[in-house]
Amino acid sequence: MCFVRLLKHWCKEQTMQIKWGKHLSDPSHVTNGVRQGGIESILVCCIFRRLSTEQNNIKMGCYIGESY
């Protein structure tokens, strides 16, 4: 449970800045996505793919056009 709270905090408190040449923007709060290049990002992506595959295999979910 502690790990889940850690991930939730890590995602909720995420900010980003844009660098253009020598200029840096003010920090902005990130509301979705995962950090590029982060080790955790690979783990989250793998979990999502696995869940998506399993969900498709058991025919759980809904169709959008021809896709499950």
C-alpha atoms as a PDB file:
ATOM      1  CA  MET A   1       0.000   0.000   0.000  1.00  0.00           C
ATOM      2  CA  CYS A   2       2.910   2.335   0.730  1.00  0.00           C
ATOM      3  CA  PHE A   3       4.192   1.805  -2.836  1.00  0.00           C
ATOM      4  CA  VAL A   4       0.791   2.791  -4.271  1.00  0.00           C
ATOM      5  CA  ARG A   5       0.772   5.990  -2.186  1.00  0.00           C
ATOM      6  CA  LEU A   6       4.303   6.741  -3.363  1.00  0.00           C
ATOM      7  CA  LEU A   7       3.297   6.340  -7.032  1.00  0.00           C
ATOM      8  CA  LYS A   8       0.187   8.468  -6.497  1.00  0.00           C
ATOM      9  CA  HIS A   9       2.242  11.241  -4.894  1.00  0.00           C
ATOM     10  CA  TRP A  10       4.899  10.972  -7.615  1.00  0.00           C
ATOM     11  CA  CYS A  11       2.273  11.434 -10.334  1.00  0.00           C
ATOM     12  CA  LYS A  12       0.189  14.057  -8.533  1.00  0.00           C
ATOM     13  CA  GLU A  13       3.089  16.356  -7.661  1.00  0.00           C
ATOM     14  CA  GLN A  14       4.661  16.318 -11.129  1.00  0.00           C
ATOM     15  CA  THR A  15       5.637  19.629 -12.735  1.00  0.00           C
ATOM     16  CA  MET A  16       7.326  20.505 -16.006  1.00  0.00           C
ATOM     17  CA  GLN A  17       9.213  23.374 -17.569  1.00  0.00           C
ATOM     18  CA  ILE A  18      10.043  24.186 -21.165  1.00  0.00           C
ATOM     19  CA  LYS A  19      13.553  25.230 -22.116  1.00  0.00           C
ATOM     20  CA  TRP A  20      14.000  27.294 -25.288  1.00  0.00           C
ATOM     21  CA  GLY A  21      17.616  28.218 -25.851  1.00  0.00           C
ATOM     22  CA  LYS A  22      18.727  29.839 -22.591  1.00  0.00           C
ATOM     23  CA  HIS A  23      15.181  30.625 -21.444  1.00  0.00           C
ATOM     24  CA  LEU A  24      13.213  28.489 -19.015  1.00  0.00           C
ATOM     25  CA  SER A  25       9.445  28.726 -18.550  1.00  0.00           C
ATOM     26  CA  ASP A  26       7.688  28.891 -15.215  1.00  0.00           C
ATOM     27  CA  PRO A  27       6.835  25.470 -13.765  1.00  0.00           C
ATOM     28  CA  SER A  28       3.460  24.022 -14.834  1.00  0.00           C
ATOM     29  CA  HIS A  29       1.544  21.269 -13.063  1.00  0.00           C
ATOM     30  CA  VAL A  30       1.292  18.068 -15.134  1.00  0.00           C
ATOM     31  CA  THR A  31      -2.159  16.479 -15.015  1.00  0.00           C
ATOM     32  CA  ASN A  32      -1.558  13.294 -17.044  1.00  0.00           C
ATOM     33  CA  GLY A  33       1.108  11.114 -18.627  1.00  0.00           C
ATOM     34  CA  VAL A  34       4.340   9.652 -17.335  1.00  0.00           C
ATOM     35  CA  ARG A  35       7.812  11.109 -17.177  1.00  0.00           C
ATOM     36  CA  GLN A  36       9.891  10.618 -20.303  1.00  0.00           C
ATOM     37  CA  GLY A  37      13.020   8.637 -19.637  1.00  0.00           C
ATOM     38  CA  GLY A  38      12.020   7.694 -16.095  1.00  0.00           C
ATOM     39  CA  ILE A  39      12.599   4.109 -14.994  1.00  0.00           C
ATOM     40  CA  GLU A  40       9.106   4.115 -13.484  1.00  0.00           C
ATOM     41  CA  SER A  41       7.652   5.127 -16.865  1.00  0.00           C
ATOM     42  CA  ILE A  42       8.795   1.842 -18.394  1.00  0.00           C
ATOM     43  CA  LEU A  43       7.189  -0.097 -15.539  1.00  0.00           C
ATOM     44  CA  VAL A  44       3.884   1.793 -15.854  1.00  0.00           C
ATOM     45  CA  CYS A  45       3.884   1.247 -19.634  1.00  0.00           C
ATOM     46  CA  CYS A  46       4.530  -2.498 -19.222  1.00  0.00           C
ATOM     47  CA  ILE A  47       1.761  -2.832 -16.640  1.00  0.00           C
ATOM     48  CA  PHE A  48      -0.669  -0.952 -18.884  1.00  0.00           C
ATOM     49  CA  ARG A  49       0.186  -3.143 -21.886  1.00  0.00           C
ATOM     50  CA  ARG A  50      -0.201  -6.313 -19.825  1.00  0.00           C
ATOM     51  CA  LEU A  51      -3.567  -5.209 -18.426  1.00  0.00           C
ATOM     52  CA  SER A  52      -4.741  -4.179 -21.879  1.00  0.00           C
ATOM     53  CA  THR A  53      -3.722  -7.542 -23.363  1.00  0.00           C
ATOM     54  CA  GLU A  54      -5.370  -9.502 -20.544  1.00  0.00           C
ATOM     55  CA  GLN A  55      -8.535  -7.423 -20.833  1.00  0.00           C
ATOM     56  CA  ASN A  56      -8.656  -8.090 -24.567  1.00  0.00           C
ATOM     57  CA  ASN A  57      -8.033 -11.839 -24.081  1.00  0.00           C
ATOM     58  CA  ILE A  58     -11.000 -12.226 -21.740  1.00  0.00           C
ATOM     59  CA  LYS A  59     -13.188  -9.975 -23.933  1.00  0.00           C
ATOM     60  CA  MET A  60     -13.740  -7.465 -21.139  1.00  0.00           C
ATOM     61  CA  GLY A  61     -14.382  -3.888 -22.145  1.00  0.00           C
ATOM     62  CA  CYS A  62     -16.123  -2.293 -25.109  1.00  0.00           C
ATOM     63  CA  TYR A  63     -15.740  -1.929 -28.843  1.00  0.00           C
ATOM     64  CA  ILE A  64     -14.834   1.348 -30.534  1.00  0.00           C
ATOM     65  CA  GLY A  65     -15.357   0.703 -34.217  1.00  0.00           C
ATOM     66  CA  GLU A  66     -13.558  -2.563 -34.930  1.00  0.00           C
ATOM     67  CA  SER A  67     -11.159  -2.236 -31.963  1.00  0.00           C
ATOM     68  CA  TYR A  68     -11.737  -3.739 -28.532  1.00  0.00           C
END
